Amino acid sequence: RSREQLDELRAAHRRTRDKREADRIKAVVALAI
């Protein structure tokens, strides 16, 4: 994954109000690192 994709995921994580969705995004970011 590229840095841009990770930045976009982090932005999406900040925008989302759905806890489950936020956790899913967090998991994707964690796996990407």
PDB file of N, CA and C in Angstrom:
ATOM      1  N   ARG A   1       0.840  -1.206   0.000  1.00  0.00           N
ATOM      2  CA  ARG A   1       0.000   0.000   0.000  1.00  0.00           C
ATOM      3  C   ARG A   1       0.870   1.249   0.000  1.00  0.00           C
ATOM      4  N   SER A   2       0.343   2.276  -0.616  1.00  0.00           N
ATOM      5  CA  SER A   2       1.083   3.531  -0.703  1.00  0.00           C
ATOM      6  C   SER A   2       0.755   4.433   0.484  1.00  0.00           C
ATOM      7  N   ARG A   3       1.589   5.413   0.704  1.00  0.00           N
ATOM      8  CA  ARG A   3       1.359   6.368   1.798  1.00  0.00           C
ATOM      9  C   ARG A   3       0.049   7.114   1.579  1.00  0.00           C
ATOM     10  N   GLU A   4      -0.260   7.426   0.316  1.00  0.00           N
ATOM     11  CA  GLU A   4      -1.491   8.159   0.015  1.00  0.00           C
ATOM     12  C   GLU A   4      -2.716   7.359   0.429  1.00  0.00           C
ATOM     13  N   GLN A   5      -2.672   6.047   0.193  1.00  0.00           N
ATOM     14  CA  GLN A   5      -3.805   5.203   0.565  1.00  0.00           C
ATOM     15  C   GLN A   5      -3.977   5.183   2.083  1.00  0.00           C
ATOM     16  N   LEU A   6      -2.875   5.106   2.803  1.00  0.00           N
ATOM     17  CA  LEU A   6      -2.951   5.092   4.262  1.00  0.00           C
ATOM     18  C   LEU A   6      -3.487   6.415   4.785  1.00  0.00           C
ATOM     19  N   ASP A   7      -3.044   7.515   4.195  1.00  0.00           N
ATOM     20  CA  ASP A   7      -3.540   8.828   4.617  1.00  0.00           C
ATOM     21  C   ASP A   7      -5.036   8.937   4.365  1.00  0.00           C
ATOM     22  N   GLU A   8      -5.490   8.407   3.236  1.00  0.00           N
ATOM     23  CA  GLU A   8      -6.913   8.438   2.905  1.00  0.00           C
ATOM     24  C   GLU A   8      -7.708   7.591   3.897  1.00  0.00           C
ATOM     25  N   LEU A   9      -7.154   6.433   4.274  1.00  0.00           N
ATOM     26  CA  LEU A   9      -7.834   5.574   5.253  1.00  0.00           C
ATOM     27  C   LEU A   9      -7.935   6.266   6.607  1.00  0.00           C
ATOM     28  N   ARG A  10      -6.864   6.962   6.980  1.00  0.00           N
ATOM     29  CA  ARG A  10      -6.898   7.670   8.264  1.00  0.00           C
ATOM     30  C   ARG A  10      -7.924   8.794   8.223  1.00  0.00           C
ATOM     31  N   ALA A  11      -8.025   9.470   7.085  1.00  0.00           N
ATOM     32  CA  ALA A  11      -9.022  10.532   6.930  1.00  0.00           C
ATOM     33  C   ALA A  11     -10.427   9.950   7.022  1.00  0.00           C
ATOM     34  N   ALA A  12     -10.632   8.802   6.384  1.00  0.00           N
ATOM     35  CA  ALA A  12     -11.939   8.135   6.428  1.00  0.00           C
ATOM     36  C   ALA A  12     -12.254   7.711   7.857  1.00  0.00           C
ATOM     37  N   HIS A  13     -11.232   7.270   8.577  1.00  0.00           N
ATOM     38  CA  HIS A  13     -11.413   6.844   9.963  1.00  0.00           C
ATOM     39  C   HIS A  13     -11.866   8.015  10.831  1.00  0.00           C
ATOM     40  N   ARG A  14     -11.286   9.193  10.570  1.00  0.00           N
ATOM     41  CA  ARG A  14     -11.679  10.373  11.344  1.00  0.00           C
ATOM     42  C   ARG A  14     -13.100  10.818  10.991  1.00  0.00           C
ATOM     43  N   ARG A  15     -13.482  10.628   9.717  1.00  0.00           N
ATOM     44  CA  ARG A  15     -14.809  11.076   9.275  1.00  0.00           C
ATOM     45  C   ARG A  15     -15.932  10.173   9.763  1.00  0.00           C
ATOM     46  N   THR A  16     -15.669   8.870   9.837  1.00  0.00           N
ATOM     47  CA  THR A  16     -16.748   7.928  10.141  1.00  0.00           C
ATOM     48  C   THR A  16     -17.249   8.055  11.573  1.00  0.00           C
ATOM     49  N   ARG A  17     -18.567   7.929  11.723  1.00  0.00           N
ATOM     50  CA  ARG A  17     -19.185   7.968  13.049  1.00  0.00           C
ATOM     51  C   ARG A  17     -19.617   6.566  13.467  1.00  0.00           C
ATOM     52  N   ASP A  18     -19.523   5.618  12.516  1.00  0.00           N
ATOM     53  CA  ASP A  18     -19.920   4.241  12.792  1.00  0.00           C
ATOM     54  C   ASP A  18     -18.762   3.507  13.461  1.00  0.00           C
ATOM     55  N   LYS A  19     -18.975   3.068  14.680  1.00  0.00           N
ATOM     56  CA  LYS A  19     -17.900   2.427  15.442  1.00  0.00           C
ATOM     57  C   LYS A  19     -17.365   1.184  14.739  1.00  0.00           C
ATOM     58  N   ARG A  20     -18.274   0.382  14.209  1.00  0.00           N
ATOM     59  CA  ARG A  20     -17.850  -0.855  13.543  1.00  0.00           C
ATOM     60  C   ARG A  20     -17.026  -0.533  12.297  1.00  0.00           C
ATOM     61  N   GLU A  21     -17.475   0.467  11.548  1.00  0.00           N
ATOM     62  CA  GLU A  21     -16.747   0.874  10.342  1.00  0.00           C
ATOM     63  C   GLU A  21     -15.370   1.422  10.720  1.00  0.00           C
ATOM     64  N   ALA A  22     -15.318   2.200  11.784  1.00  0.00           N
ATOM     65  CA  ALA A  22     -14.049   2.768  12.241  1.00  0.00           C
ATOM     66  C   ALA A  22     -13.073   1.657  12.628  1.00  0.00           C
ATOM     67  N   ASP A  23     -13.574   0.649  13.319  1.00  0.00           N
ATOM     68  CA  ASP A  23     -12.724  -0.480  13.721  1.00  0.00           C
ATOM     69  C   ASP A  23     -12.207  -1.235  12.503  1.00  0.00           C
ATOM     70  N   ARG A  24     -13.057  -1.366  11.474  1.00  0.00           N
ATOM     71  CA  ARG A  24     -12.652  -2.069  10.258  1.00  0.00           C
ATOM     72  C   ARG A  24     -11.543  -1.300   9.551  1.00  0.00           C
ATOM     73  N   ILE A  25     -11.709   0.009   9.459  1.00  0.00           N
ATOM     74  CA  ILE A  25     -10.690   0.840   8.821  1.00  0.00           C
ATOM     75  C   ILE A  25      -9.386   0.756   9.612  1.00  0.00           C
ATOM     76  N   LYS A  26      -9.503   0.790  10.936  1.00  0.00           N
ATOM     77  CA  LYS A  26      -8.325   0.719  11.796  1.00  0.00           C
ATOM     78  C   LYS A  26      -7.573  -0.589  11.577  1.00  0.00           C
ATOM     79  N   ALA A  27      -8.332  -1.665  11.403  1.00  0.00           N
ATOM     80  CA  ALA A  27      -7.731  -2.975  11.174  1.00  0.00           C
ATOM     81  C   ALA A  27      -6.979  -3.003   9.842  1.00  0.00           C
ATOM     82  N   VAL A  28      -7.561  -2.394   8.825  1.00  0.00           N
ATOM     83  CA  VAL A  28      -6.919  -2.347   7.507  1.00  0.00           C
ATOM     84  C   VAL A  28      -5.612  -1.565   7.590  1.00  0.00           C
ATOM     85  N   VAL A  29      -5.650  -0.433   8.280  1.00  0.00           N
ATOM     86  CA  VAL A  29      -4.448   0.384   8.437  1.00  0.00           C
ATOM     87  C   VAL A  29      -3.375  -0.389   9.200  1.00  0.00           C
ATOM     88  N   ALA A  30      -3.782  -1.092  10.257  1.00  0.00           N
ATOM     89  CA  ALA A  30      -2.835  -1.859  11.063  1.00  0.00           C
ATOM     90  C   ALA A  30      -2.173  -2.963  10.233  1.00  0.00           C
ATOM     91  N   LEU A  31      -2.957  -3.612   9.388  1.00  0.00           N
ATOM     92  CA  LEU A  31      -2.420  -4.680   8.540  1.00  0.00           C
ATOM     93  C   LEU A  31      -1.468  -4.132   7.484  1.00  0.00           C
ATOM     94  N   ALA A  32      -1.718  -2.903   7.052  1.00  0.00           N
ATOM     95  CA  ALA A  32      -0.932  -2.319   5.974  1.00  0.00           C
ATOM     96  C   ALA A  32       0.457  -1.906   6.450  1.00  0.00           C
ATOM     97  N   ILE A  33       0.598  -1.690   7.739  1.00  0.00           N
ATOM     98  CA  ILE A  33       1.882  -1.203   8.270  1.00  0.00           C
ATOM     99  C   ILE A  33       2.861  -2.361   8.464  1.00  0.00           C
TER     100      ILE A  33
END
